[in-house]
Amino acid sequence: MSELQEVSKWMTREKKDSALEAMMPRIMACTTKSSRGNMPHILAELMPKCLKTVLPKLSKEDRVEFVLEMISILVDKGSVRMSEEERDEFVLQLVEQIRS
């Protein structure tokens, strides 16, 4: 087990969240200027692939907690700069997708 994994194992959820929030700006800044604008697109492309690999390895309880949190974030941040009508339509599309 790496040192990072060992430390992470003993960190509280709040400390992990805080550490991740602190790292994100540095991760985004580490890319070269020419690719910096592409980083959100790269992450959006990689995230679904990562989730397909990682989620099955989590316990049922952890998966449920994670998915509920992600849906909340996706709706909140995915509807930024949308009118109330557009947001409502967005949520309806999500519900239809989940039900299918």
Protein backbone atom coordinates (compact mmCIF):
# COMPACT_ATOMS: atom_id res chain seq x y z
CA MET A 1 0.00 0.00 0.00
CA SER A 2 1.39 3.39 -0.97
CA GLU A 3 1.95 6.09 1.61
CA LEU A 4 -0.88 8.12 0.08
CA GLN A 5 -3.27 5.19 0.35
CA GLU A 6 -2.22 4.58 3.95
CA VAL A 7 -2.81 8.21 4.92
CA SER A 8 -6.09 8.30 3.02
CA LYS A 9 -7.32 5.24 4.89
CA TRP A 10 -7.12 7.11 8.19
CA MET A 11 -8.48 10.48 7.02
CA THR A 12 -12.02 11.49 7.87
CA ARG A 13 -14.48 12.04 5.03
CA GLU A 14 -14.39 15.80 5.69
CA LYS A 15 -10.59 15.91 5.48
CA LYS A 16 -10.62 13.88 2.26
CA ASP A 17 -13.21 16.21 0.74
CA SER A 18 -11.21 19.24 1.81
CA ALA A 19 -7.98 17.78 0.39
CA LEU A 20 -9.65 16.98 -2.93
CA GLU A 21 -11.13 20.47 -3.19
CA ALA A 22 -7.69 21.95 -2.51
CA MET A 23 -6.05 19.73 -5.17
CA MET A 24 -8.44 20.46 -8.05
CA PRO A 25 -7.14 23.98 -8.84
CA ARG A 26 -3.56 22.65 -8.80
CA ILE A 27 -4.48 19.77 -11.08
CA MET A 28 -6.16 22.15 -13.50
CA ALA A 29 -3.16 24.53 -13.36
CA CYS A 30 -0.67 21.73 -14.03
CA THR A 31 -1.74 21.36 -17.61
CA THR A 32 -0.04 23.38 -20.30
CA LYS A 33 -1.69 26.62 -21.36
CA SER A 34 -2.63 25.16 -24.73
CA SER A 35 -4.51 22.23 -23.21
CA ARG A 36 -5.98 24.04 -20.19
CA GLY A 37 -9.16 24.93 -22.08
CA ASN A 38 -9.62 21.27 -23.01
CA MET A 39 -9.35 19.95 -19.44
CA PRO A 40 -13.12 20.07 -18.71
CA HIS A 41 -13.79 18.15 -21.95
CA ILE A 42 -11.07 15.62 -21.15
CA LEU A 43 -12.43 15.07 -17.64
CA ALA A 44 -16.01 14.80 -18.94
CA GLU A 45 -14.84 12.10 -21.36
CA LEU A 46 -12.82 10.18 -18.76
CA MET A 47 -15.29 10.36 -15.87
CA PRO A 48 -17.90 7.92 -17.27
CA LYS A 49 -15.15 5.42 -18.12
CA CYS A 50 -13.69 5.70 -14.62
CA LEU A 51 -17.10 5.24 -13.03
CA LYS A 52 -17.78 2.08 -15.05
CA THR A 53 -14.59 0.63 -13.62
CA VAL A 54 -14.77 1.91 -10.05
CA LEU A 55 -18.44 1.71 -9.06
CA PRO A 56 -18.76 -2.08 -9.18
CA LYS A 57 -15.89 -2.30 -6.69
CA LEU A 58 -17.66 -0.22 -4.05
CA SER A 59 -20.02 -1.69 -1.47
CA LYS A 60 -23.75 -1.33 -2.13
CA GLU A 61 -24.06 1.34 0.56
CA ASP A 62 -21.09 3.32 -0.78
CA ARG A 63 -22.42 3.08 -4.35
CA VAL A 64 -25.85 4.37 -3.34
CA GLU A 65 -24.35 7.25 -1.34
CA PHE A 66 -22.00 8.14 -4.18
CA VAL A 67 -24.66 8.00 -6.91
CA LEU A 68 -27.09 10.17 -4.94
CA GLU A 69 -24.37 12.74 -4.32
CA MET A 70 -23.30 12.70 -7.98
CA ILE A 71 -26.87 13.14 -9.23
CA SER A 72 -27.29 16.12 -6.93
CA ILE A 73 -24.06 17.68 -8.24
CA LEU A 74 -24.90 16.88 -11.86
CA VAL A 75 -28.33 18.51 -11.62
CA ASP A 76 -27.03 21.52 -9.69
CA LYS A 77 -23.94 22.21 -11.82
CA GLY A 78 -25.40 20.87 -15.05
CA SER A 79 -28.23 23.39 -14.93
CA VAL A 80 -26.06 26.47 -14.36
CA ARG A 81 -27.19 29.40 -16.53
CA MET A 82 -30.45 27.61 -17.44
CA SER A 83 -33.83 29.22 -17.07
CA GLU A 84 -36.27 27.58 -14.67
CA GLU A 85 -38.10 26.11 -17.67
CA GLU A 86 -34.87 24.71 -19.16
CA ARG A 87 -33.89 23.25 -15.78
CA ASP A 88 -37.28 21.56 -15.42
CA GLU A 89 -36.91 20.05 -18.91
CA PHE A 90 -33.37 18.92 -18.02
CA VAL A 91 -34.63 17.16 -14.88
CA LEU A 92 -37.44 15.50 -16.85
CA GLN A 93 -34.87 14.19 -19.34
CA LEU A 94 -32.84 12.78 -16.45
CA VAL A 95 -35.86 11.03 -14.99
CA GLU A 96 -36.74 9.55 -18.39
CA GLN A 97 -33.13 8.36 -18.80
CA ILE A 98 -33.14 6.75 -15.37
CA ARG A 99 -36.44 4.97 -16.00
CA SER A 100 -35.39 3.55 -19.37
